[in-house]
N, C-alpha and C. Protein backbone atom coordinates (compact mmCIF):
# COMPACT_ATOMS: atom_id res chain seq x y z
N MET A 1 0.82 -0.95 0.41
CA MET A 1 -0.51 -0.60 0.11
C MET A 1 0.50 1.21 -0.02
N LYS A 2 1.62 1.12 0.53
CA LYS A 2 2.92 2.63 0.41
C LYS A 2 3.16 2.88 -0.81
N TYR A 3 3.11 1.82 -1.57
CA TYR A 3 3.75 1.97 -2.51
C TYR A 3 2.97 2.71 -3.51
N LEU A 4 2.05 2.76 -3.58
CA LEU A 4 0.68 2.89 -4.38
C LEU A 4 0.90 4.35 -4.67
N GLY A 5 1.38 5.25 -3.81
CA GLY A 5 1.81 6.79 -3.77
C GLY A 5 2.37 6.93 -5.22
N LEU A 6 3.53 6.13 -4.36
CA LEU A 6 5.09 6.40 -5.81
C LEU A 6 4.68 5.54 -7.01
N ILE A 7 3.86 4.75 -7.45
CA ILE A 7 3.42 4.46 -8.58
C ILE A 7 2.91 5.29 -9.31
N SER A 8 2.05 6.00 -8.54
CA SER A 8 1.18 6.97 -9.47
C SER A 8 2.15 8.22 -9.80
N ILE A 9 2.93 8.23 -9.44
CA ILE A 9 3.93 9.78 -9.49
C ILE A 9 4.67 8.43 -10.34
N ILE A 10 5.03 8.16 -10.20
CA ILE A 10 5.76 7.20 -11.82
C ILE A 10 5.07 7.35 -13.09
N PHE A 11 3.57 7.25 -12.48
CA PHE A 11 3.11 6.55 -14.16
C PHE A 11 2.74 7.82 -14.50
N LEU A 12 1.99 9.49 -13.86
CA LEU A 12 1.65 10.38 -14.10
C LEU A 12 3.38 11.07 -14.98
N ALA A 13 4.59 11.33 -14.52
CA ALA A 13 5.70 11.84 -15.14
C ALA A 13 5.95 10.87 -16.26
N GLY A 14 5.49 9.94 -16.57
CA GLY A 14 5.88 9.59 -17.88
C GLY A 14 4.82 9.78 -18.63
N CYS A 15 3.68 10.08 -18.49
CA CYS A 15 2.29 10.65 -19.26
C CYS A 15 2.74 12.10 -19.84
N GLN A 16 2.40 11.96 -21.27
CA GLN A 16 2.13 13.32 -21.95
C GLN A 16 1.36 13.67 -22.61
N SER A 17 0.89 14.92 -22.54
CA SER A 17 -0.15 15.55 -23.28
C SER A 17 -0.14 14.77 -24.68
N THR A 18 -1.27 15.13 -25.74
CA THR A 18 -0.79 14.64 -26.82
C THR A 18 -1.23 17.11 -27.36
N PRO A 19 0.04 16.94 -28.53
CA PRO A 19 -0.04 18.46 -28.36
C PRO A 19 -1.30 19.04 -29.46
N THR A 20 -1.64 20.17 -28.74
CA THR A 20 -2.42 20.56 -30.18
C THR A 20 -2.31 20.44 -31.74
N PHE A 21 -3.19 20.36 -33.04
CA PHE A 21 -2.82 20.71 -34.00
C PHE A 21 -1.70 22.22 -34.01
N CYS A 22 -1.76 22.82 -33.47
CA CYS A 22 -1.26 24.10 -33.32
C CYS A 22 0.04 24.27 -32.84
N GLU A 23 0.46 23.13 -31.69
CA GLU A 23 1.61 23.03 -31.70
C GLU A 23 2.64 22.07 -32.67
N ARG A 24 1.32 21.21 -33.67
CA ARG A 24 2.38 20.05 -34.19
C ARG A 24 2.24 21.66 -35.07
N GLU A 25 1.41 22.05 -35.77
CA GLU A 25 1.66 22.25 -37.08
C GLU A 25 1.43 24.08 -37.28
N PRO A 26 2.25 25.17 -36.58
CA PRO A 26 1.86 26.51 -35.58
C PRO A 26 2.18 27.74 -37.22
N ASP A 27 2.50 26.71 -38.29
CA ASP A 27 2.30 27.40 -39.30
C ASP A 27 0.82 27.47 -40.77
N SER A 28 0.18 26.81 -40.29
CA SER A 28 -1.12 26.77 -40.58
C SER A 28 -2.22 27.78 -40.59
N ASN A 29 -2.99 28.13 -41.85
CA ASN A 29 -3.69 28.98 -41.35
C ASN A 29 -4.98 28.81 -40.57
N LEU A 30 -5.13 27.58 -40.12
CA LEU A 30 -5.95 27.14 -39.43
C LEU A 30 -5.53 28.46 -37.61
N CYS A 31 -3.81 28.07 -37.86
CA CYS A 31 -3.67 28.29 -36.40
C CYS A 31 -3.47 29.86 -36.48
N ASN A 32 -3.31 30.54 -37.64
CA ASN A 32 -2.84 32.21 -37.20
C ASN A 32 -4.17 33.23 -37.48
N GLN A 33 -4.26 33.89 -36.06
CA GLN A 33 -5.38 34.37 -35.36
C GLN A 33 -5.56 35.89 -36.04
N LYS A 34 -5.02 36.02 -36.23
CA LYS A 34 -5.17 37.58 -37.01
C LYS A 34 -6.31 37.03 -38.46
N THR A 35 -6.23 35.84 -38.66
CA THR A 35 -7.37 35.47 -39.81
C THR A 35 -8.83 34.98 -39.44
N TYR A 36 -8.70 35.50 -38.24
CA TYR A 36 -10.52 34.68 -37.86
C TYR A 36 -10.99 35.16 -37.49
N GLN A 37 -12.37 34.86 -37.78
CA GLN A 37 -14.06 35.34 -37.75
C GLN A 37 -14.05 36.18 -36.57
N TYR A 38 -14.76 37.29 -36.36
CA TYR A 38 -15.31 37.93 -35.46
C TYR A 38 -15.37 36.84 -34.10
N THR A 39 -16.66 36.41 -35.06
CA THR A 39 -17.71 35.47 -34.21
C THR A 39 -16.63 34.22 -33.56
N THR A 40 -15.58 33.76 -34.18
CA THR A 40 -14.40 32.89 -33.55
C THR A 40 -13.40 33.82 -32.48
N ASP A 41 -13.17 34.88 -32.21
CA ASP A 41 -12.88 35.67 -31.84
C ASP A 41 -13.09 35.73 -30.63
N GLN A 42 -14.46 35.88 -30.64
CA GLN A 42 -15.17 36.75 -29.33
C GLN A 42 -15.25 35.32 -28.59
N ALA A 43 -15.66 33.80 -29.52
CA ALA A 43 -15.67 32.51 -28.87
C ALA A 43 -14.41 32.67 -28.18
N LEU A 44 -13.26 32.98 -28.85
CA LEU A 44 -11.90 32.85 -27.83
C LEU A 44 -11.29 33.08 -26.56
N GLU A 45 -11.93 34.70 -26.52
CA GLU A 45 -11.85 35.53 -25.70
C GLU A 45 -12.55 34.55 -24.74
N GLU A 46 -13.78 33.87 -24.74
CA GLU A 46 -14.46 33.96 -23.46
C GLU A 46 -14.28 32.85 -23.01
N PHE A 47 -13.64 31.82 -23.90
CA PHE A 47 -12.58 30.24 -23.70
C PHE A 47 -11.76 30.77 -22.68
N GLU A 48 -10.65 31.61 -23.09
CA GLU A 48 -9.34 32.11 -23.18
C GLU A 48 -9.86 31.97 -21.09
N SER A 49 -11.05 32.51 -21.03
CA SER A 49 -11.41 33.25 -19.21
C SER A 49 -11.26 32.17 -18.47
N ARG A 50 -12.26 30.76 -19.14
CA ARG A 50 -12.32 29.20 -18.93
C ARG A 50 -11.35 29.46 -18.26
N LYS A 51 -11.79 28.36 -16.68
CA LYS A 51 -10.68 27.65 -15.44
C LYS A 51 -9.66 26.28 -15.65
N SER A 52 -10.18 25.23 -15.77
CA SER A 52 -9.09 24.27 -16.31
C SER A 52 -9.79 23.28 -17.07
N ASN A 53 -9.79 22.52 -17.25
CA ASN A 53 -9.95 21.58 -18.07
C ASN A 53 -10.91 21.54 -19.72
N LYS A 54 -9.93 22.32 -20.22
CA LYS A 54 -10.61 22.78 -21.38
C LYS A 54 -9.96 22.28 -22.69
N ALA A 55 -10.80 23.01 -23.83
CA ALA A 55 -10.15 22.75 -25.31
C ALA A 55 -11.03 23.32 -26.04
N PHE A 56 -10.38 24.26 -27.09
CA PHE A 56 -11.06 24.84 -28.12
C PHE A 56 -10.47 23.78 -29.81
N ALA A 57 -11.76 23.80 -30.59
CA ALA A 57 -11.36 23.20 -32.02
C ALA A 57 -11.73 23.86 -32.75
N LEU A 58 -11.77 24.17 -33.64
CA LEU A 58 -11.65 25.16 -34.60
C LEU A 58 -11.42 24.46 -36.35
N GLY A 59 -13.14 24.33 -37.51
CA GLY A 59 -12.93 24.31 -38.81
C GLY A 59 -12.45 25.39 -39.06
N GLN A 60 -12.61 25.51 -40.47
CA GLN A 60 -12.47 26.27 -41.69
C GLN A 60 -12.54 25.49 -42.91
N THR A 61 -13.58 25.68 -43.49
CA THR A 61 -13.46 25.75 -44.80
C THR A 61 -13.26 26.19 -46.44
N SER A 62 -13.02 25.82 -47.44
CA SER A 62 -12.53 26.18 -48.39
C SER A 62 -12.90 27.75 -49.07
N ASP A 63 -14.27 28.05 -48.67
CA ASP A 63 -14.51 28.73 -49.12
C ASP A 63 -14.11 30.55 -47.89
N GLY A 64 -13.65 29.67 -46.37
CA GLY A 64 -13.48 30.97 -46.00
C GLY A 64 -14.60 31.14 -44.46
N TRP A 65 -15.39 29.97 -44.12
CA TRP A 65 -16.27 30.06 -42.71
C TRP A 65 -15.67 29.25 -41.96
N GLU A 66 -15.97 29.39 -40.95
CA GLU A 66 -15.35 29.21 -39.28
C GLU A 66 -16.36 28.52 -38.84
N PHE A 67 -16.09 26.83 -37.80
CA PHE A 67 -16.97 26.31 -37.67
C PHE A 67 -16.25 25.86 -36.03
N TYR A 68 -16.66 26.37 -35.19
CA TYR A 68 -15.84 25.22 -33.56
C TYR A 68 -16.83 25.14 -33.37
N GLY A 69 -16.10 24.85 -31.27
CA GLY A 69 -16.44 23.75 -30.56
C GLY A 69 -15.80 24.42 -29.26
N TYR A 70 -15.98 24.07 -27.87
CA TYR A 70 -15.41 23.89 -27.15
C TYR A 70 -16.32 23.23 -26.08
N GLY A 71 -15.01 22.82 -25.17
CA GLY A 71 -15.54 21.99 -24.16
C GLY A 71 -14.83 22.49 -22.52
N GLU A 72 -15.28 22.52 -21.14
CA GLU A 72 -14.35 23.12 -20.87
C GLU A 72 -15.48 22.25 -19.26
N GLY A 73 -14.87 22.42 -18.18
CA GLY A 73 -15.23 22.00 -16.52
C GLY A 73 -15.21 20.46 -16.87
N TYR A 74 -15.13 19.94 -17.51
CA TYR A 74 -14.71 18.25 -17.74
C TYR A 74 -14.00 18.31 -16.37
N ASN A 75 -14.45 16.74 -16.02
CA ASN A 75 -13.08 15.78 -15.09
C ASN A 75 -11.90 15.73 -15.63
N SER A 76 -11.59 15.96 -17.17
CA SER A 76 -10.01 15.58 -17.80
C SER A 76 -10.38 16.54 -18.53
N THR A 77 -9.05 16.72 -18.85
CA THR A 77 -8.50 17.50 -20.34
C THR A 77 -9.33 16.28 -21.60
N HIS A 78 -9.16 15.20 -21.67
CA HIS A 78 -9.21 14.54 -22.75
C HIS A 78 -10.79 14.17 -23.27
N LYS A 79 -11.95 14.36 -22.45
CA LYS A 79 -12.83 14.63 -22.20
C LYS A 79 -13.02 15.75 -22.50
N ALA A 80 -12.72 16.86 -22.23
CA ALA A 80 -13.26 18.56 -23.58
C ALA A 80 -12.28 18.66 -24.68
N LYS A 81 -11.66 17.67 -24.30
CA LYS A 81 -11.11 17.27 -26.10
C LYS A 81 -12.11 16.93 -26.78
N LYS A 82 -12.64 15.96 -26.47
CA LYS A 82 -13.68 15.23 -27.08
C LYS A 82 -14.68 16.34 -27.68
N VAL A 83 -15.41 16.87 -26.85
CA VAL A 83 -16.26 17.44 -26.96
C VAL A 83 -16.20 18.69 -27.67
N ALA A 84 -15.19 19.40 -27.34
CA ALA A 84 -14.94 19.88 -28.20
C ALA A 84 -14.75 19.36 -29.91
N LEU A 85 -13.89 18.78 -29.85
CA LEU A 85 -14.51 18.22 -31.54
C LEU A 85 -15.82 17.51 -31.91
N GLU A 86 -16.70 17.20 -31.29
CA GLU A 86 -17.76 17.19 -31.69
C GLU A 86 -18.81 18.09 -31.73
N ALA A 87 -18.79 19.04 -30.92
CA ALA A 87 -19.76 20.46 -31.34
C ALA A 87 -18.78 20.46 -32.39
N CYS A 88 -17.63 20.86 -32.82
CA CYS A 88 -17.45 21.34 -33.89
C CYS A 88 -17.32 19.97 -35.47
N GLN A 89 -17.63 19.36 -35.05
CA GLN A 89 -17.84 18.68 -36.76
C GLN A 89 -19.42 18.56 -37.04
N SER A 90 -20.19 18.80 -35.39
CA SER A 90 -21.90 18.70 -35.14
C SER A 90 -21.77 20.10 -36.51
N ARG A 91 -21.05 21.55 -36.00
CA ARG A 91 -21.24 22.32 -36.93
C ARG A 91 -21.57 22.06 -37.97
N LEU A 92 -20.29 22.05 -38.40
CA LEU A 92 -20.39 21.79 -39.79
C LEU A 92 -20.75 20.45 -40.64
N ASP A 93 -21.70 19.56 -40.11
CA ASP A 93 -21.93 18.28 -40.46
C ASP A 93 -23.14 19.12 -40.72
N LYS A 94 -24.17 20.10 -39.14
CA LYS A 94 -25.40 20.34 -39.87
C LYS A 94 -25.07 21.62 -41.22
N HIS A 95 -24.10 21.72 -40.93
CA HIS A 95 -24.46 23.20 -42.75
C HIS A 95 -23.76 22.20 -44.26
N GLY A 96 -23.79 21.40 -43.68
CA GLY A 96 -23.16 20.24 -44.68
C GLY A 96 -22.04 20.48 -45.48
N VAL A 97 -21.24 21.17 -44.66
CA VAL A 97 -20.19 21.29 -45.77
C VAL A 97 -18.59 20.43 -44.94
N GLU A 98 -18.20 20.38 -46.61
CA GLU A 98 -16.83 19.66 -45.91
C GLU A 98 -16.50 20.77 -45.45
N GLY A 99 -15.44 19.75 -44.39
CA GLY A 99 -13.94 20.63 -43.79
C GLY A 99 -14.12 19.15 -42.12
N LYS A 100 -12.66 19.80 -41.84
CA LYS A 100 -12.70 19.04 -40.35
C LYS A 100 -11.57 19.75 -39.57
N CYS A 101 -12.06 19.44 -38.12
CA CYS A 101 -12.10 20.48 -36.78
C CYS A 101 -10.80 19.36 -36.55
N GLU A 102 -9.91 20.74 -36.10
CA GLU A 102 -8.61 20.47 -35.71
C GLU A 102 -8.78 21.28 -33.82
N LEU A 103 -7.82 20.98 -32.36
CA LEU A 103 -7.81 20.75 -31.62
C LEU A 103 -7.10 22.39 -31.53
N ILE A 104 -7.27 23.56 -31.70
CA ILE A 104 -6.58 24.39 -31.63
C ILE A 104 -5.62 24.97 -30.15
N ARG A 105 -6.52 24.75 -29.15
CA ARG A 105 -5.85 25.12 -27.93
C ARG A 105 -6.53 23.61 -26.58
């Protein structure tokens, strides 16, 4: 039992978070906040004010439309990422446009 805490520390030390799309592809247009539409900028401002376990996904279409989704306040960042991607993709699908959402925050 006394080693349970040590095992937890070793396990957590070995975990690496999955990098966001913008950490992997920083030069992508999807990561250039200067090109974002006003509504996306506003959503990002609101998102940044949230506390923890959060994620923001963004998708852009070839004709310039942007779709986003975010998750926040979940028990884990993994869950927030899943919710953000699902919300973003749901918006893309709802409007019947081709595109792919990526986690940018």
